[in-house]
Amino acid sequence: MRITVKGRNIEITDAIRSYAEEKIGKALSCYDQIQSIEVVLNVTKNPSVAQGHTAEVLCKLPAGSIQAEESAESMYASIDLVADKLVRQVKKFKDKQMSYSKSESIRTDMPKEEEEEKV
């Protein structure tokens, strides 16, 4: 599994990279079939923008992808927020996949009345 951290208008330091990989990596403990995660960190350098630090995550799965984006006053806060959002979305995706696999087919399940008649 690969976590890629990129930056727009910001230089990605080792501290930010390791922090992002640690926080975003928590989604891996929820669902083990994640193929790759791409994190894009963006800083808006306009002083009139209060929440100028944005973290975007694209999580690629076998059956699609999950995207999350959050903004905050600091880069660490935006990484925390987007990591929490990603974990919630991955858990929701996993629950949907599990419910599809547990659903019963009409063709394979016979009602109890028909089973009793055949016996």
PDB file of N, CA and C in Angstrom:
ATOM      1  N   MET A   1       0.842  -1.170   0.000  1.00  0.00           N
ATOM      2  CA  MET A   1       0.000   0.000   0.000  1.00  0.00           C
ATOM      3  C   MET A   1       0.885   1.229   0.000  1.00  0.00           C
ATOM      4  N   ARG A   2       0.483   2.213  -0.755  1.00  0.00           N
ATOM      5  CA  ARG A   2       1.318   3.377  -0.973  1.00  0.00           C
ATOM      6  C   ARG A   2       0.576   4.650  -0.551  1.00  0.00           C
ATOM      7  N   ILE A   3       1.235   5.476   0.250  1.00  0.00           N
ATOM      8  CA  ILE A   3       0.695   6.785   0.619  1.00  0.00           C
ATOM      9  C   ILE A   3       1.612   7.835   0.008  1.00  0.00           C
ATOM     10  N   THR A   4       1.069   8.667  -0.871  1.00  0.00           N
ATOM     11  CA  THR A   4       1.824   9.718  -1.538  1.00  0.00           C
ATOM     12  C   THR A   4       1.389  11.065  -0.979  1.00  0.00           C
ATOM     13  N   VAL A   5       2.350  11.886  -0.572  1.00  0.00           N
ATOM     14  CA  VAL A   5       2.063  13.210  -0.030  1.00  0.00           C
ATOM     15  C   VAL A   5       2.670  14.248  -0.971  1.00  0.00           C
ATOM     16  N   LYS A   6       1.815  15.141  -1.495  1.00  0.00           N
ATOM     17  CA  LYS A   6       2.255  16.196  -2.408  1.00  0.00           C
ATOM     18  C   LYS A   6       1.863  17.543  -1.821  1.00  0.00           C
ATOM     19  N   GLY A   7       2.498  18.603  -2.303  1.00  0.00           N
ATOM     20  CA  GLY A   7       2.192  19.938  -1.814  1.00  0.00           C
ATOM     21  C   GLY A   7       1.991  20.938  -2.930  1.00  0.00           C
ATOM     22  N   ARG A   8       1.069  21.862  -2.722  1.00  0.00           N
ATOM     23  CA  ARG A   8       0.855  22.993  -3.622  1.00  0.00           C
ATOM     24  C   ARG A   8       1.075  24.262  -2.812  1.00  0.00           C
ATOM     25  N   ASN A   9       1.965  25.082  -3.251  1.00  0.00           N
ATOM     26  CA  ASN A   9       2.318  26.330  -2.565  1.00  0.00           C
ATOM     27  C   ASN A   9       2.882  26.079  -1.170  1.00  0.00           C
ATOM     28  N   ILE A  10       3.429  24.908  -0.964  1.00  0.00           N
ATOM     29  CA  ILE A  10       4.035  24.571   0.322  1.00  0.00           C
ATOM     30  C   ILE A  10       5.141  23.555   0.091  1.00  0.00           C
ATOM     31  N   GLU A  11       6.206  23.695   0.860  1.00  0.00           N
ATOM     32  CA  GLU A  11       7.270  22.700   0.806  1.00  0.00           C
ATOM     33  C   GLU A  11       6.959  21.636   1.856  1.00  0.00           C
ATOM     34  N   ILE A  12       6.920  20.395   1.428  1.00  0.00           N
ATOM     35  CA  ILE A  12       6.584  19.290   2.332  1.00  0.00           C
ATOM     36  C   ILE A  12       7.833  18.901   3.114  1.00  0.00           C
ATOM     37  N   THR A  13       7.806  19.173   4.401  1.00  0.00           N
ATOM     38  CA  THR A  13       8.922  18.797   5.267  1.00  0.00           C
ATOM     39  C   THR A  13       8.746  17.353   5.728  1.00  0.00           C
ATOM     40  N   ASP A  14       9.794  16.815   6.289  1.00  0.00           N
ATOM     41  CA  ASP A  14       9.731  15.437   6.792  1.00  0.00           C
ATOM     42  C   ASP A  14       8.714  15.306   7.924  1.00  0.00           C
ATOM     43  N   ALA A  15       8.596  16.364   8.753  1.00  0.00           N
ATOM     44  CA  ALA A  15       7.653  16.320   9.874  1.00  0.00           C
ATOM     45  C   ALA A  15       6.206  16.276   9.375  1.00  0.00           C
ATOM     46  N   ILE A  16       5.886  17.107   8.385  1.00  0.00           N
ATOM     47  CA  ILE A  16       4.517  17.108   7.843  1.00  0.00           C
ATOM     48  C   ILE A  16       4.229  15.804   7.123  1.00  0.00           C
ATOM     49  N   ARG A  17       5.217  15.300   6.356  1.00  0.00           N
ATOM     50  CA  ARG A  17       5.026  14.041   5.630  1.00  0.00           C
ATOM     51  C   ARG A  17       4.770  12.876   6.588  1.00  0.00           C
ATOM     52  N   SER A  18       5.577  12.770   7.627  1.00  0.00           N
ATOM     53  CA  SER A  18       5.392  11.654   8.566  1.00  0.00           C
ATOM     54  C   SER A  18       4.081  11.800   9.340  1.00  0.00           C
ATOM     55  N   TYR A  19       3.702  13.031   9.684  1.00  0.00           N
ATOM     56  CA  TYR A  19       2.439  13.253  10.389  1.00  0.00           C
ATOM     57  C   TYR A  19       1.253  12.863   9.514  1.00  0.00           C
ATOM     58  N   ALA A  20       1.292  13.263   8.245  1.00  0.00           N
ATOM     59  CA  ALA A  20       0.203  12.931   7.322  1.00  0.00           C
ATOM     60  C   ALA A  20       0.131  11.420   7.098  1.00  0.00           C
ATOM     61  N   GLU A  21       1.269  10.770   6.917  1.00  0.00           N
ATOM     62  CA  GLU A  21       1.270   9.318   6.707  1.00  0.00           C
ATOM     63  C   GLU A  21       0.748   8.581   7.931  1.00  0.00           C
ATOM     64  N   GLU A  22       1.090   9.066   9.117  1.00  0.00           N
ATOM     65  CA  GLU A  22       0.622   8.431  10.355  1.00  0.00           C
ATOM     66  C   GLU A  22      -0.889   8.571  10.515  1.00  0.00           C
ATOM     67  N   LYS A  23      -1.404   9.780  10.328  1.00  0.00           N
ATOM     68  CA  LYS A  23      -2.839  10.029  10.519  1.00  0.00           C
ATOM     69  C   LYS A  23      -3.680   9.368   9.425  1.00  0.00           C
ATOM     70  N   ILE A  24      -3.278   9.511   8.178  1.00  0.00           N
ATOM     71  CA  ILE A  24      -4.036   8.940   7.066  1.00  0.00           C
ATOM     72  C   ILE A  24      -3.908   7.419   7.071  1.00  0.00           C
ATOM     73  N   GLY A  25      -2.817   6.910   7.578  1.00  0.00           N
ATOM     74  CA  GLY A  25      -2.600   5.462   7.645  1.00  0.00           C
ATOM     75  C   GLY A  25      -3.578   4.743   8.559  1.00  0.00           C
ATOM     76  N   LYS A  26      -4.280   5.489   9.417  1.00  0.00           N
ATOM     77  CA  LYS A  26      -5.274   4.862  10.288  1.00  0.00           C
ATOM     78  C   LYS A  26      -6.428   4.267   9.489  1.00  0.00           C
ATOM     79  N   ALA A  27      -6.647   4.759   8.287  1.00  0.00           N
ATOM     80  CA  ALA A  27      -7.702   4.204   7.428  1.00  0.00           C
ATOM     81  C   ALA A  27      -7.358   2.770   7.007  1.00  0.00           C
ATOM     82  N   LEU A  28      -6.079   2.448   6.994  1.00  0.00           N
ATOM     83  CA  LEU A  28      -5.658   1.092   6.624  1.00  0.00           C
ATOM     84  C   LEU A  28      -6.095   0.060   7.651  1.00  0.00           C
ATOM     85  N   SER A  29      -6.176   0.464   8.907  1.00  0.00           N
ATOM     86  CA  SER A  29      -6.602  -0.480   9.939  1.00  0.00           C
ATOM     87  C   SER A  29      -8.089  -0.788   9.833  1.00  0.00           C
ATOM     88  N   CYS A  30      -8.836   0.076   9.157  1.00  0.00           N
ATOM     89  CA  CYS A  30     -10.278  -0.137   8.984  1.00  0.00           C
ATOM     90  C   CYS A  30     -10.576  -1.082   7.825  1.00  0.00           C
ATOM     91  N   TYR A  31      -9.804  -0.984   6.756  1.00  0.00           N
ATOM     92  CA  TYR A  31     -10.104  -1.741   5.539  1.00  0.00           C
ATOM     93  C   TYR A  31      -8.778  -2.093   4.875  1.00  0.00           C
ATOM     94  N   ASP A  32      -8.505  -3.361   4.698  1.00  0.00           N
ATOM     95  CA  ASP A  32      -7.191  -3.788   4.224  1.00  0.00           C
ATOM     96  C   ASP A  32      -7.050  -3.853   2.704  1.00  0.00           C
ATOM     97  N   GLN A  33      -8.094  -3.549   1.956  1.00  0.00           N
ATOM     98  CA  GLN A  33      -8.017  -3.646   0.501  1.00  0.00           C
ATOM     99  C   GLN A  33      -7.801  -2.299  -0.178  1.00  0.00           C
ATOM    100  N   ILE A  34      -7.293  -1.327   0.545  1.00  0.00           N
ATOM    101  CA  ILE A  34      -6.987  -0.018  -0.026  1.00  0.00           C
ATOM    102  C   ILE A  34      -5.752  -0.169  -0.909  1.00  0.00           C
ATOM    103  N   GLN A  35      -5.844   0.308  -2.153  1.00  0.00           N
ATOM    104  CA  GLN A  35      -4.748   0.160  -3.096  1.00  0.00           C
ATOM    105  C   GLN A  35      -3.727   1.288  -2.963  1.00  0.00           C
ATOM    106  N   SER A  36      -4.187   2.522  -2.905  1.00  0.00           N
ATOM    107  CA  SER A  36      -3.266   3.646  -2.742  1.00  0.00           C
ATOM    108  C   SER A  36      -4.023   4.842  -2.168  1.00  0.00           C
ATOM    109  N   ILE A  37      -3.257   5.722  -1.526  1.00  0.00           N
ATOM    110  CA  ILE A  37      -3.813   6.950  -0.970  1.00  0.00           C
ATOM    111  C   ILE A  37      -2.925   8.101  -1.425  1.00  0.00           C
ATOM    112  N   GLU A  38      -3.545   9.142  -1.973  1.00  0.00           N
ATOM    113  CA  GLU A  38      -2.820  10.327  -2.406  1.00  0.00           C
ATOM    114  C   GLU A  38      -3.289  11.516  -1.572  1.00  0.00           C
ATOM    115  N   VAL A  39      -2.354  12.183  -0.920  1.00  0.00           N
ATOM    116  CA  VAL A  39      -2.652  13.336  -0.068  1.00  0.00           C
ATOM    117  C   VAL A  39      -2.056  14.578  -0.735  1.00  0.00           C
ATOM    118  N   VAL A  40      -2.896  15.594  -0.933  1.00  0.00           N
ATOM    119  CA  VAL A  40      -2.436  16.857  -1.508  1.00  0.00           C
ATOM    120  C   VAL A  40      -2.670  17.945  -0.471  1.00  0.00           C
ATOM    121  N   LEU A  41      -1.589  18.604  -0.064  1.00  0.00           N
ATOM    122  CA  LEU A  41      -1.652  19.683   0.917  1.00  0.00           C
ATOM    123  C   LEU A  41      -1.496  21.010   0.180  1.00  0.00           C
ATOM    124  N   ASN A  42      -2.403  21.941   0.454  1.00  0.00           N
ATOM    125  CA  ASN A  42      -2.445  23.199  -0.276  1.00  0.00           C
ATOM    126  C   ASN A  42      -2.524  24.354   0.708  1.00  0.00           C
ATOM    127  N   VAL A  43      -1.797  25.429   0.408  1.00  0.00           N
ATOM    128  CA  VAL A  43      -1.832  26.633   1.239  1.00  0.00           C
ATOM    129  C   VAL A  43      -2.254  27.802   0.363  1.00  0.00           C
ATOM    130  N   THR A  44      -3.298  28.513   0.799  1.00  0.00           N
ATOM    131  CA  THR A  44      -3.726  29.741   0.144  1.00  0.00           C
ATOM    132  C   THR A  44      -3.060  30.889   0.883  1.00  0.00           C
ATOM    133  N   LYS A  45      -2.248  31.626   0.179  1.00  0.00           N
ATOM    134  CA  LYS A  45      -1.442  32.670   0.825  1.00  0.00           C
ATOM    135  C   LYS A  45      -2.116  34.038   0.832  1.00  0.00           C
ATOM    136  N   ASN A  46      -3.421  34.064   0.703  1.00  0.00           N
ATOM    137  CA  ASN A  46      -4.181  35.305   0.766  1.00  0.00           C
ATOM    138  C   ASN A  46      -4.523  35.592   2.230  1.00  0.00           C
ATOM    139  N   PRO A  47      -4.139  36.733   2.775  1.00  0.00           N
ATOM    140  CA  PRO A  47      -4.397  37.003   4.191  1.00  0.00           C
ATOM    141  C   PRO A  47      -5.877  37.133   4.540  1.00  0.00           C
ATOM    142  N   SER A  48      -6.733  37.388   3.579  1.00  0.00           N
ATOM    143  CA  SER A  48      -8.157  37.515   3.876  1.00  0.00           C
ATOM    144  C   SER A  48      -8.842  36.150   4.021  1.00  0.00           C
ATOM    145  N   VAL A  49      -8.163  35.062   3.648  1.00  0.00           N
ATOM    146  CA  VAL A  49      -8.721  33.721   3.784  1.00  0.00           C
ATOM    147  C   VAL A  49      -8.344  33.198   5.167  1.00  0.00           C
ATOM    148  N   ALA A  50      -9.368  32.966   6.000  1.00  0.00           N
ATOM    149  CA  ALA A  50      -9.113  32.544   7.380  1.00  0.00           C
ATOM    150  C   ALA A  50      -8.596  31.113   7.449  1.00  0.00           C
ATOM    151  N   GLN A  51      -9.216  30.238   6.698  1.00  0.00           N
ATOM    152  CA  GLN A  51      -8.812  28.831   6.728  1.00  0.00           C
ATOM    153  C   GLN A  51      -8.094  28.505   5.423  1.00  0.00           C
ATOM    154  N   GLY A  52      -6.845  28.898   5.361  1.00  0.00           N
ATOM    155  CA  GLY A  52      -6.084  28.802   4.134  1.00  0.00           C
ATOM    156  C   GLY A  52      -5.318  27.517   3.934  1.00  0.00           C
ATOM    157  N   HIS A  53      -5.335  26.617   4.903  1.00  0.00           N
ATOM    158  CA  HIS A  53      -4.615  25.348   4.788  1.00  0.00           C
ATOM    159  C   HIS A  53      -5.619  24.248   4.464  1.00  0.00           C
ATOM    160  N   THR A  54      -5.426  23.604   3.315  1.00  0.00           N
ATOM    161  CA  THR A  54      -6.368  22.591   2.848  1.00  0.00           C
ATOM    162  C   THR A  54      -5.642  21.270   2.663  1.00  0.00           C
ATOM    163  N   ALA A  55      -6.302  20.192   3.077  1.00  0.00           N
ATOM    164  CA  ALA A  55      -5.789  18.837   2.860  1.00  0.00           C
ATOM    165  C   ALA A  55      -6.835  18.071   2.057  1.00  0.00           C
ATOM    166  N   GLU A  56      -6.405  17.489   0.939  1.00  0.00           N
ATOM    167  CA  GLU A  56      -7.277  16.684   0.088  1.00  0.00           C
ATOM    168  C   GLU A  56      -6.729  15.263   0.058  1.00  0.00           C
ATOM    169  N   VAL A  57      -7.632  14.278   0.114  1.00  0.00           N
ATOM    170  CA  VAL A  57      -7.220  12.877   0.088  1.00  0.00           C
ATOM    171  C   VAL A  57      -8.021  12.152  -0.973  1.00  0.00           C
ATOM    172  N   LEU A  58      -7.329  11.348  -1.785  1.00  0.00           N
ATOM    173  CA  LEU A  58      -7.967  10.470  -2.749  1.00  0.00           C
ATOM    174  C   LEU A  58      -7.523   9.051  -2.421  1.00  0.00           C
ATOM    175  N   CYS A  59      -8.483   8.226  -2.043  1.00  0.00           N
ATOM    176  CA  CYS A  59      -8.222   6.849  -1.617  1.00  0.00           C
ATOM    177  C   CYS A  59      -8.772   5.916  -2.694  1.00  0.00           C
ATOM    178  N   LYS A  60      -7.895   5.146  -3.331  1.00  0.00           N
ATOM    179  CA  LYS A  60      -8.307   4.247  -4.408  1.00  0.00           C
ATOM    180  C   LYS A  60      -8.554   2.855  -3.844  1.00  0.00           C
ATOM    181  N   LEU A  61      -9.741   2.330  -4.158  1.00  0.00           N
ATOM    182  CA  LEU A  61     -10.177   1.019  -3.700  1.00  0.00           C
ATOM    183  C   LEU A  61     -10.455   0.138  -4.913  1.00  0.00           C
ATOM    184  N   PRO A  62     -10.576  -1.171  -4.733  1.00  0.00           N
ATOM    185  CA  PRO A  62     -10.861  -2.047  -5.877  1.00  0.00           C
ATOM    186  C   PRO A  62     -12.194  -1.734  -6.554  1.00  0.00           C
ATOM    187  N   ALA A  63     -13.163  -1.248  -5.800  1.00  0.00           N
ATOM    188  CA  ALA A  63     -14.497  -1.007  -6.356  1.00  0.00           C
ATOM    189  C   ALA A  63     -14.809   0.475  -6.507  1.00  0.00           C
ATOM    190  N   GLY A  64     -13.809   1.335  -6.575  1.00  0.00           N
ATOM    191  CA  GLY A  64     -14.061   2.756  -6.716  1.00  0.00           C
ATOM    192  C   GLY A  64     -13.018   3.572  -5.983  1.00  0.00           C
ATOM    193  N   SER A  65     -13.416   4.779  -5.600  1.00  0.00           N
ATOM    194  CA  SER A  65     -12.496   5.641  -4.868  1.00  0.00           C
ATOM    195  C   SER A  65     -13.281   6.504  -3.885  1.00  0.00           C
ATOM    196  N   ILE A  66     -12.566   6.999  -2.886  1.00  0.00           N
ATOM    197  CA  ILE A  66     -13.142   7.864  -1.868  1.00  0.00           C
ATOM    198  C   ILE A  66     -12.332   9.150  -1.860  1.00  0.00           C
ATOM    199  N   GLN A  67     -13.023  10.283  -1.833  1.00  0.00           N
ATOM    200  CA  GLN A  67     -12.360  11.573  -1.822  1.00  0.00           C
ATOM    201  C   GLN A  67     -12.824  12.371  -0.612  1.00  0.00           C
ATOM    202  N   ALA A  68     -11.883  13.033   0.053  1.00  0.00           N
ATOM    203  CA  ALA A  68     -12.215  13.871   1.205  1.00  0.00           C
ATOM    204  C   ALA A  68     -11.360  15.134   1.148  1.00  0.00           C
ATOM    205  N   GLU A  69     -11.930  16.234   1.640  1.00  0.00           N
ATOM    206  CA  GLU A  69     -11.216  17.509   1.644  1.00  0.00           C
ATOM    207  C   GLU A  69     -11.635  18.302   2.880  1.00  0.00           C
ATOM    208  N   GLU A  70     -10.677  18.909   3.539  1.00  0.00           N
ATOM    209  CA  GLU A  70     -10.940  19.732   4.717  1.00  0.00           C
ATOM    210  C   GLU A  70      -9.990  20.919   4.745  1.00  0.00           C
ATOM    211  N   SER A  71     -10.469  22.026   5.298  1.00  0.00           N
ATOM    212  CA  SER A  71      -9.652  23.227   5.458  1.00  0.00           C
ATOM    213  C   SER A  71      -9.639  23.640   6.921  1.00  0.00           C
ATOM    214  N   ALA A  72      -8.527  24.233   7.341  1.00  0.00           N
ATOM    215  CA  ALA A  72      -8.403  24.697   8.722  1.00  0.00           C
ATOM    216  C   ALA A  72      -7.365  25.821   8.771  1.00  0.00           C
ATOM    217  N   GLU A  73      -7.143  26.345   9.980  1.00  0.00           N
ATOM    218  CA  GLU A  73      -6.195  27.431  10.154  1.00  0.00           C
ATOM    219  C   GLU A  73      -4.747  26.973  10.113  1.00  0.00           C
ATOM    220  N   SER A  74      -4.498  25.701  10.451  1.00  0.00           N
ATOM    221  CA  SER A  74      -3.137  25.166  10.374  1.00  0.00           C
ATOM    222  C   SER A  74      -3.152  23.869   9.579  1.00  0.00           C
ATOM    223  N   MET A  75      -1.995  23.500   9.056  1.00  0.00           N
ATOM    224  CA  MET A  75      -1.915  22.299   8.235  1.00  0.00           C
ATOM    225  C   MET A  75      -2.160  21.040   9.072  1.00  0.00           C
ATOM    226  N   TYR A  76      -1.666  21.027  10.297  1.00  0.00           N
ATOM    227  CA  TYR A  76      -1.859  19.854  11.155  1.00  0.00           C
ATOM    228  C   TYR A  76      -3.340  19.648  11.482  1.00  0.00           C
ATOM    229  N   ALA A  77      -4.057  20.737  11.713  1.00  0.00           N
ATOM    230  CA  ALA A  77      -5.490  20.636  12.001  1.00  0.00           C
ATOM    231  C   ALA A  77      -6.254  20.128  10.782  1.00  0.00           C
ATOM    232  N   SER A  78      -5.899  20.589   9.597  1.00  0.00           N
ATOM    233  CA  SER A  78      -6.592  20.123   8.395  1.00  0.00           C
ATOM    234  C   SER A  78      -6.296  18.654   8.128  1.00  0.00           C
ATOM    235  N   ILE A  79      -5.079  18.206   8.424  1.00  0.00           N
ATOM    236  CA  ILE A  79      -4.749  16.778   8.267  1.00  0.00           C
ATOM    237  C   ILE A  79      -5.564  15.940   9.247  1.00  0.00           C
ATOM    238  N   ASP A  80      -5.698  16.415  10.488  1.00  0.00           N
ATOM    239  CA  ASP A  80      -6.514  15.698  11.474  1.00  0.00           C
ATOM    240  C   ASP A  80      -7.959  15.572  11.014  1.00  0.00           C
ATOM    241  N   LEU A  81      -8.525  16.670  10.537  1.00  0.00           N
ATOM    242  CA  LEU A  81      -9.925  16.666  10.112  1.00  0.00           C
ATOM    243  C   LEU A  81     -10.155  15.749   8.918  1.00  0.00           C
ATOM    244  N   VAL A  82      -9.267  15.805   7.936  1.00  0.00           N
ATOM    245  CA  VAL A  82      -9.461  14.972   6.749  1.00  0.00           C
ATOM    246  C   VAL A  82      -9.208  13.502   7.072  1.00  0.00           C
ATOM    247  N   ALA A  83      -8.323  13.205   8.021  1.00  0.00           N
ATOM    248  CA  ALA A  83      -8.083  11.814   8.409  1.00  0.00           C
ATOM    249  C   ALA A  83      -9.325  11.226   9.073  1.00  0.00           C
ATOM    250  N   ASP A  84      -9.957  12.001   9.956  1.00  0.00           N
ATOM    251  CA  ASP A  84     -11.182  11.536  10.600  1.00  0.00           C
ATOM    252  C   ASP A  84     -12.293  11.308   9.579  1.00  0.00           C
ATOM    253  N   LYS A  85     -12.418  12.225   8.636  1.00  0.00           N
ATOM    254  CA  LYS A  85     -13.438  12.093   7.596  1.00  0.00           C
ATOM    255  C   LYS A  85     -13.172  10.863   6.727  1.00  0.00           C
ATOM    256  N   LEU A  86     -11.917  10.618   6.394  1.00  0.00           N
ATOM    257  CA  LEU A  86     -11.562   9.460   5.566  1.00  0.00           C
ATOM    258  C   LEU A  86     -11.872   8.156   6.289  1.00  0.00           C
ATOM    259  N   VAL A  87     -11.563   8.080   7.570  1.00  0.00           N
ATOM    260  CA  VAL A  87     -11.854   6.861   8.340  1.00  0.00           C
ATOM    261  C   VAL A  87     -13.355   6.588   8.361  1.00  0.00           C
ATOM    262  N   ARG A  88     -14.166   7.624   8.561  1.00  0.00           N
ATOM    263  CA  ARG A  88     -15.623   7.442   8.543  1.00  0.00           C
ATOM    264  C   ARG A  88     -16.104   6.939   7.191  1.00  0.00           C
ATOM    265  N   GLN A  89     -15.591   7.512   6.115  1.00  0.00           N
ATOM    266  CA  GLN A  89     -16.027   7.108   4.783  1.00  0.00           C
ATOM    267  C   GLN A  89     -15.579   5.691   4.441  1.00  0.00           C
ATOM    268  N   VAL A  90     -14.380   5.322   4.866  1.00  0.00           N
ATOM    269  CA  VAL A  90     -13.889   3.959   4.600  1.00  0.00           C
ATOM    270  C   VAL A  90     -14.720   2.944   5.369  1.00  0.00           C
ATOM    271  N   LYS A  91     -15.057   3.250   6.630  1.00  0.00           N
ATOM    272  CA  LYS A  91     -15.902   2.338   7.406  1.00  0.00           C
ATOM    273  C   LYS A  91     -17.274   2.190   6.767  1.00  0.00           C
ATOM    274  N   LYS A  92     -17.835   3.280   6.281  1.00  0.00           N
ATOM    275  CA  LYS A  92     -19.135   3.235   5.615  1.00  0.00           C
ATOM    276  C   LYS A  92     -19.056   2.397   4.340  1.00  0.00           C
ATOM    277  N   PHE A  93     -17.994   2.564   3.573  1.00  0.00           N
ATOM    278  CA  PHE A  93     -17.801   1.783   2.351  1.00  0.00           C
ATOM    279  C   PHE A  93     -17.672   0.297   2.673  1.00  0.00           C
ATOM    280  N   LYS A  94     -16.905  -0.010   3.716  1.00  0.00           N
ATOM    281  CA  LYS A  94     -16.705  -1.407   4.105  1.00  0.00           C
ATOM    282  C   LYS A  94     -18.022  -2.041   4.560  1.00  0.00           C
ATOM    283  N   ASP A  95     -18.818  -1.311   5.333  1.00  0.00           N
ATOM    284  CA  ASP A  95     -20.109  -1.829   5.777  1.00  0.00           C
ATOM    285  C   ASP A  95     -21.031  -2.104   4.597  1.00  0.00           C
ATOM    286  N   LYS A  96     -21.006  -1.232   3.595  1.00  0.00           N
ATOM    287  CA  LYS A  96     -21.825  -1.465   2.406  1.00  0.00           C
ATOM    288  C   LYS A  96     -21.361  -2.717   1.663  1.00  0.00           C
ATOM    289  N   GLN A  97     -20.056  -2.885   1.543  1.00  0.00           N
ATOM    290  CA  GLN A  97     -19.532  -4.062   0.854  1.00  0.00           C
ATOM    291  C   GLN A  97     -19.889  -5.341   1.602  1.00  0.00           C
ATOM    292  N   MET A  98     -19.827  -5.299   2.927  1.00  0.00           N
ATOM    293  CA  MET A  98     -20.167  -6.472   3.726  1.00  0.00           C
ATOM    294  C   MET A  98     -21.649  -6.791   3.627  1.00  0.00           C
ATOM    295  N   SER A  99     -22.501  -5.778   3.554  1.00  0.00           N
ATOM    296  CA  SER A  99     -23.937  -6.027   3.457  1.00  0.00           C
ATOM    297  C   SER A  99     -24.290  -6.615   2.097  1.00  0.00           C
ATOM    298  N   TYR A 100     -23.571  -6.223   1.042  1.00  0.00           N
ATOM    299  CA  TYR A 100     -23.818  -6.799  -0.279  1.00  0.00           C
ATOM    300  C   TYR A 100     -23.424  -8.264  -0.307  1.00  0.00           C
ATOM    301  N   SER A 101     -22.329  -8.614   0.339  1.00  0.00           N
ATOM    302  CA  SER A 101     -21.873  -9.999   0.311  1.00  0.00           C
ATOM    303  C   SER A 101     -22.758 -10.897   1.175  1.00  0.00           C
ATOM    304  N   LYS A 102     -23.415 -10.343   2.186  1.00  0.00           N
ATOM    305  CA  LYS A 102     -24.278 -11.134   3.054  1.00  0.00           C
ATOM    306  C   LYS A 102     -25.698 -11.271   2.511  1.00  0.00           C
ATOM    307  N   SER A 103     -26.040 -10.453   1.513  1.00  0.00           N
ATOM    308  CA  SER A 103     -27.402 -10.512   0.997  1.00  0.00           C
ATOM    309  C   SER A 103     -27.656 -11.868   0.347  1.00  0.00           C
ATOM    310  N   GLU A 104     -28.864 -12.342   0.504  1.00  0.00           N
ATOM    311  CA  GLU A 104     -29.217 -13.666   0.019  1.00  0.00           C
ATOM    312  C   GLU A 104     -29.837 -13.551  -1.366  1.00  0.00           C
ATOM    313  N   SER A 105     -29.564 -14.525  -2.175  1.00  0.00           N
ATOM    314  CA  SER A 105     -30.069 -14.523  -3.539  1.00  0.00           C
ATOM    315  C   SER A 105     -31.428 -15.209  -3.595  1.00  0.00           C
ATOM    316  N   ILE A 106     -32.275 -14.772  -4.489  1.00  0.00           N
ATOM    317  CA  ILE A 106     -33.594 -15.377  -4.660  1.00  0.00           C
ATOM    318  C   ILE A 106     -33.451 -16.785  -5.216  1.00  0.00           C
ATOM    319  N   ARG A 107     -32.497 -16.991  -6.069  1.00  0.00           N
ATOM    320  CA  ARG A 107     -32.327 -18.277  -6.734  1.00  0.00           C
ATOM    321  C   ARG A 107     -31.845 -19.372  -5.792  1.00  0.00           C
ATOM    322  N   THR A 108     -31.028 -19.023  -4.831  1.00  0.00           N
ATOM    323  CA  THR A 108     -30.464 -20.053  -3.960  1.00  0.00           C
ATOM    324  C   THR A 108     -31.284 -20.297  -2.703  1.00  0.00           C
ATOM    325  N   ASP A 109     -32.127 -19.366  -2.332  1.00  0.00           N
ATOM    326  CA  ASP A 109     -32.909 -19.514  -1.110  1.00  0.00           C
ATOM    327  C   ASP A 109     -34.349 -19.887  -1.450  1.00  0.00           C
ATOM    328  N   MET A 110     -34.780 -21.006  -0.922  1.00  0.00           N
ATOM    329  CA  MET A 110     -36.159 -21.436  -1.115  1.00  0.00           C
ATOM    330  C   MET A 110     -36.945 -21.126   0.148  1.00  0.00           C
ATOM    331  N   PRO A 111     -38.181 -20.725   0.012  1.00  0.00           N
ATOM    332  CA  PRO A 111     -38.995 -20.506   1.208  1.00  0.00           C
ATOM    333  C   PRO A 111     -39.180 -21.815   1.979  1.00  0.00           C
ATOM    334  N   LYS A 112     -39.435 -21.721   3.266  1.00  0.00           N
ATOM    335  CA  LYS A 112     -39.565 -22.911   4.110  1.00  0.00           C
ATOM    336  C   LYS A 112     -40.735 -23.792   3.685  1.00  0.00           C
ATOM    337  N   GLU A 113     -41.776 -23.213   3.140  1.00  0.00           N
ATOM    338  CA  GLU A 113     -42.942 -24.002   2.728  1.00  0.00           C
ATOM    339  C   GLU A 113     -42.584 -24.944   1.589  1.00  0.00           C
ATOM    340  N   GLU A 114     -41.784 -24.486   0.621  1.00  0.00           N
ATOM    341  CA  GLU A 114     -41.405 -25.335  -0.490  1.00  0.00           C
ATOM    342  C   GLU A 114     -40.463 -26.447  -0.043  1.00  0.00           C
ATOM    343  N   GLU A 115     -39.592 -26.158   0.929  1.00  0.00           N
ATOM    344  CA  GLU A 115     -38.682 -27.180   1.435  1.00  0.00           C
ATOM    345  C   GLU A 115     -39.466 -28.292   2.121  1.00  0.00           C
ATOM    346  N   GLU A 116     -40.500 -27.942   2.866  1.00  0.00           N
ATOM    347  CA  GLU A 116     -41.287 -28.940   3.570  1.00  0.00           C
ATOM    348  C   GLU A 116     -42.076 -29.813   2.606  1.00  0.00           C
ATOM    349  N   GLU A 117     -42.551 -29.240   1.494  1.00  0.00           N
ATOM    350  CA  GLU A 117     -43.310 -30.004   0.510  1.00  0.00           C
ATOM    351  C   GLU A 117     -42.450 -31.023  -0.194  1.00  0.00           C
ATOM    352  N   LYS A 118     -41.175 -30.718  -0.420  1.00  0.00           N
ATOM    353  CA  LYS A 118     -40.284 -31.634  -1.126  1.00  0.00           C
ATOM    354  C   LYS A 118     -39.889 -32.812  -0.244  1.00  0.00           C
ATOM    355  N   VAL A 119     -39.916 -32.665   1.041  1.00  0.00           N
ATOM    356  CA  VAL A 119     -39.491 -33.719   1.961  1.00  0.00           C
ATOM    357  C   VAL A 119     -40.541 -34.741   2.141  1.00  0.00           C
TER     358      VAL A 119
END
